[in-house]
């Protein structure tokens, strides 16, 4: 069976997320900001009785940072641990063939997940979350 993708929009850019990585879409999440954290960590949000980090995906999308005070939704993703990314809009689910026809590359969720670790390649100064 072909892989399916969820189309989202952030900062005017359309992004594809593998449905295998998507856990849930949060409506109007409250993001609590944390002092003295890496720039990619926007804060934390409550999700099903847990606290999950909210990561600014612009770090891997090579675009301007996302304004954290105005997010309508967040998508909870799961790799080693759950985390969320803010989104402007959630679109439809599409097939891998449709992703290719739209010339979209799926968001590298594994790389975003790495932002949660103390990886010296990503955090040269050794930021420890």
C-alpha atoms as a PDB file:
ATOM      1  CA  UNK A   1       0.000   0.000   0.000  1.00  0.00           C
ATOM      2  CA  UNK A   2       1.299   3.438  -0.932  1.00  0.00           C
ATOM      3  CA  UNK A   3       2.216   5.870   1.791  1.00  0.00           C
ATOM      4  CA  UNK A   4      -0.264   8.652   2.595  1.00  0.00           C
ATOM      5  CA  UNK A   5       0.582  12.244   3.525  1.00  0.00           C
ATOM      6  CA  UNK A   6      -1.187  15.011   5.390  1.00  0.00           C
ATOM      7  CA  UNK A   7      -0.828  18.399   3.733  1.00  0.00           C
ATOM      8  CA  UNK A   8      -0.325  21.319   6.093  1.00  0.00           C
ATOM      9  CA  UNK A   9       0.471  24.971   5.566  1.00  0.00           C
ATOM     10  CA  UNK A  10       2.910  26.994   7.605  1.00  0.00           C
ATOM     11  CA  UNK A  11       4.137  30.482   6.808  1.00  0.00           C
ATOM     12  CA  UNK A  12       2.546  30.341   3.359  1.00  0.00           C
ATOM     13  CA  UNK A  13       4.446  27.153   2.505  1.00  0.00           C
ATOM     14  CA  UNK A  14       2.690  23.850   1.799  1.00  0.00           C
ATOM     15  CA  UNK A  15       4.303  20.916   3.620  1.00  0.00           C
ATOM     16  CA  UNK A  16       3.678  17.173   3.487  1.00  0.00           C
ATOM     17  CA  UNK A  17       3.771  15.040   6.640  1.00  0.00           C
ATOM     18  CA  UNK A  18       3.831  11.258   6.472  1.00  0.00           C
ATOM     19  CA  UNK A  19       0.621  10.011   8.077  1.00  0.00           C
ATOM     20  CA  UNK A  20       2.759   7.359   9.813  1.00  0.00           C
ATOM     21  CA  UNK A  21       4.364  10.178  11.881  1.00  0.00           C
ATOM     22  CA  UNK A  22       1.137  12.057  12.699  1.00  0.00           C
ATOM     23  CA  UNK A  23      -0.519  11.282  16.033  1.00  0.00           C
ATOM     24  CA  UNK A  24      -3.087  14.062  16.372  1.00  0.00           C
ATOM     25  CA  UNK A  25      -4.017  17.590  15.302  1.00  0.00           C
ATOM     26  CA  UNK A  26      -4.512  20.013  18.202  1.00  0.00           C
ATOM     27  CA  UNK A  27      -6.955  22.891  17.822  1.00  0.00           C
ATOM     28  CA  UNK A  28      -5.697  26.220  19.243  1.00  0.00           C
ATOM     29  CA  UNK A  29      -3.042  24.820  21.556  1.00  0.00           C
ATOM     30  CA  UNK A  30      -1.756  26.974  24.398  1.00  0.00           C
ATOM     31  CA  UNK A  31       2.017  27.151  24.041  1.00  0.00           C
ATOM     32  CA  UNK A  32       3.893  27.939  27.256  1.00  0.00           C
ATOM     33  CA  UNK A  33       7.236  29.561  26.558  1.00  0.00           C
ATOM     34  CA  UNK A  34      10.311  28.422  28.465  1.00  0.00           C
ATOM     35  CA  UNK A  35      13.233  30.732  29.260  1.00  0.00           C
ATOM     36  CA  UNK A  36      16.814  29.917  28.290  1.00  0.00           C
ATOM     37  CA  UNK A  37      15.982  27.256  25.698  1.00  0.00           C
ATOM     38  CA  UNK A  38      17.278  26.801  22.154  1.00  0.00           C
ATOM     39  CA  UNK A  39      15.591  28.942  19.516  1.00  0.00           C
ATOM     40  CA  UNK A  40      14.032  25.900  17.816  1.00  0.00           C
ATOM     41  CA  UNK A  41      12.077  25.079  20.991  1.00  0.00           C
ATOM     42  CA  UNK A  42       9.044  27.361  20.961  1.00  0.00           C
ATOM     43  CA  UNK A  43       7.770  26.043  24.281  1.00  0.00           C
ATOM     44  CA  UNK A  44       5.562  23.243  25.524  1.00  0.00           C
ATOM     45  CA  UNK A  45       1.885  22.386  25.120  1.00  0.00           C
ATOM     46  CA  UNK A  46      -0.509  20.143  27.003  1.00  0.00           C
ATOM     47  CA  UNK A  47      -1.519  16.996  25.155  1.00  0.00           C
ATOM     48  CA  UNK A  48      -3.640  14.218  26.694  1.00  0.00           C
ATOM     49  CA  UNK A  49      -2.378  14.879  30.206  1.00  0.00           C
ATOM     50  CA  UNK A  50       1.250  15.154  29.082  1.00  0.00           C
ATOM     51  CA  UNK A  51       3.530  18.027  28.235  1.00  0.00           C
ATOM     52  CA  UNK A  52       5.052  17.908  24.745  1.00  0.00           C
ATOM     53  CA  UNK A  53       7.718  20.191  23.302  1.00  0.00           C
ATOM     54  CA  UNK A  54       6.632  22.455  20.452  1.00  0.00           C
ATOM     55  CA  UNK A  55       9.350  22.778  17.827  1.00  0.00           C
ATOM     56  CA  UNK A  56       9.654  25.511  15.207  1.00  0.00           C
ATOM     57  CA  UNK A  57      10.059  23.563  11.949  1.00  0.00           C
ATOM     58  CA  UNK A  58      11.685  26.541  10.224  1.00  0.00           C
ATOM     59  CA  UNK A  59      14.966  25.127  11.563  1.00  0.00           C
ATOM     60  CA  UNK A  60      14.811  22.341   8.955  1.00  0.00           C
ATOM     61  CA  UNK A  61      12.687  24.156   6.363  1.00  0.00           C
ATOM     62  CA  UNK A  62      15.233  26.962   5.973  1.00  0.00           C
ATOM     63  CA  UNK A  63      12.595  29.672   6.300  1.00  0.00           C
ATOM     64  CA  UNK A  64      11.942  32.536   8.670  1.00  0.00           C
ATOM     65  CA  UNK A  65      10.931  31.581  12.216  1.00  0.00           C
ATOM     66  CA  UNK A  66       7.285  30.920  12.978  1.00  0.00           C
ATOM     67  CA  UNK A  67       5.513  33.539  15.137  1.00  0.00           C
ATOM     68  CA  UNK A  68       4.552  31.437  18.159  1.00  0.00           C
ATOM     69  CA  UNK A  69       1.860  33.764  19.444  1.00  0.00           C
ATOM     70  CA  UNK A  70      -0.464  33.113  16.508  1.00  0.00           C
ATOM     71  CA  UNK A  71      -0.902  29.414  15.901  1.00  0.00           C
ATOM     72  CA  UNK A  72      -4.327  28.001  15.099  1.00  0.00           C
ATOM     73  CA  UNK A  73      -3.283  24.378  15.247  1.00  0.00           C
ATOM     74  CA  UNK A  74      -0.401  22.123  16.087  1.00  0.00           C
ATOM     75  CA  UNK A  75       0.328  18.644  14.780  1.00  0.00           C
ATOM     76  CA  UNK A  76       1.603  16.099  17.293  1.00  0.00           C
ATOM     77  CA  UNK A  77       4.231  13.869  15.709  1.00  0.00           C
ATOM     78  CA  UNK A  78       5.857  10.745  17.111  1.00  0.00           C
ATOM     79  CA  UNK A  79       9.389   9.453  16.705  1.00  0.00           C
ATOM     80  CA  UNK A  80      11.406   8.544  19.800  1.00  0.00           C
ATOM     81  CA  UNK A  81       9.100  10.801  21.825  1.00  0.00           C
ATOM     82  CA  UNK A  82       6.053  12.865  20.893  1.00  0.00           C
ATOM     83  CA  UNK A  83       6.476  16.524  19.953  1.00  0.00           C
ATOM     84  CA  UNK A  84       4.379  19.113  18.163  1.00  0.00           C
ATOM     85  CA  UNK A  85       4.851  21.632  15.377  1.00  0.00           C
ATOM     86  CA  UNK A  86       2.648  24.713  14.876  1.00  0.00           C
ATOM     87  CA  UNK A  87       0.688  25.002  11.633  1.00  0.00           C
ATOM     88  CA  UNK A  88      -1.476  27.666  10.022  1.00  0.00           C
ATOM     89  CA  UNK A  89      -3.789  25.234   8.271  1.00  0.00           C
ATOM     90  CA  UNK A  90      -4.384  21.493   8.000  1.00  0.00           C
ATOM     91  CA  UNK A  91      -5.324  20.304   4.536  1.00  0.00           C
ATOM     92  CA  UNK A  92      -6.207  16.976   3.011  1.00  0.00           C
ATOM     93  CA  UNK A  93      -4.572  13.567   2.950  1.00  0.00           C
ATOM     94  CA  UNK A  94      -2.926  12.712  -0.354  1.00  0.00           C
ATOM     95  CA  UNK A  95      -1.028   9.839  -1.911  1.00  0.00           C
ATOM     96  CA  UNK A  96       2.679   9.594  -2.603  1.00  0.00           C
ATOM     97  CA  UNK A  97       1.935  10.063  -6.303  1.00  0.00           C
ATOM     98  CA  UNK A  98       0.077  13.317  -5.587  1.00  0.00           C
ATOM     99  CA  UNK A  99       3.037  14.540  -3.484  1.00  0.00           C
ATOM    100  CA  UNK A 100       5.343  13.972  -6.461  1.00  0.00           C
ATOM    101  CA  UNK A 101       2.948  15.765  -8.829  1.00  0.00           C
ATOM    102  CA  UNK A 102       2.840  18.729  -6.424  1.00  0.00           C
ATOM    103  CA  UNK A 103       6.670  18.676  -6.305  1.00  0.00           C
ATOM    104  CA  UNK A 104       6.631  18.513  -2.501  1.00  0.00           C
ATOM    105  CA  UNK A 105       9.242  16.801  -0.383  1.00  0.00           C
ATOM    106  CA  UNK A 106       7.891  15.363   2.882  1.00  0.00           C
ATOM    107  CA  UNK A 107       9.030  17.144   6.034  1.00  0.00           C
ATOM    108  CA  UNK A 108      12.010  15.380   7.602  1.00  0.00           C
ATOM    109  CA  UNK A 109      10.366  14.440  10.903  1.00  0.00           C
ATOM    110  CA  UNK A 110      13.417  12.445  11.995  1.00  0.00           C
ATOM    111  CA  UNK A 111      15.566  15.575  11.701  1.00  0.00           C
ATOM    112  CA  UNK A 112      13.036  17.592  13.702  1.00  0.00           C
ATOM    113  CA  UNK A 113      13.052  14.876  16.337  1.00  0.00           C
ATOM    114  CA  UNK A 114      16.843  15.189  16.533  1.00  0.00           C
ATOM    115  CA  UNK A 115      16.409  18.784  17.651  1.00  0.00           C
ATOM    116  CA  UNK A 116      15.196  17.316  20.937  1.00  0.00           C
ATOM    117  CA  UNK A 117      18.538  15.635  21.580  1.00  0.00           C
ATOM    118  CA  UNK A 118      21.890  17.000  22.624  1.00  0.00           C
ATOM    119  CA  UNK A 119      23.408  16.470  19.178  1.00  0.00           C
ATOM    120  CA  UNK A 120      26.613  18.524  18.714  1.00  0.00           C
ATOM    121  CA  UNK A 121      25.972  18.757  14.951  1.00  0.00           C
ATOM    122  CA  UNK A 122      22.639  20.476  15.525  1.00  0.00           C
ATOM    123  CA  UNK A 123      23.635  22.329  18.710  1.00  0.00           C
ATOM    124  CA  UNK A 124      27.322  23.223  18.311  1.00  0.00           C
ATOM    125  CA  UNK A 125      27.403  24.994  21.683  1.00  0.00           C
ATOM    126  CA  UNK A 126      26.029  21.858  23.350  1.00  0.00           C
ATOM    127  CA  UNK A 127      22.604  23.250  24.302  1.00  0.00           C
ATOM    128  CA  UNK A 128      21.060  20.787  26.713  1.00  0.00           C
ATOM    129  CA  UNK A 129      17.272  20.712  26.916  1.00  0.00           C
END
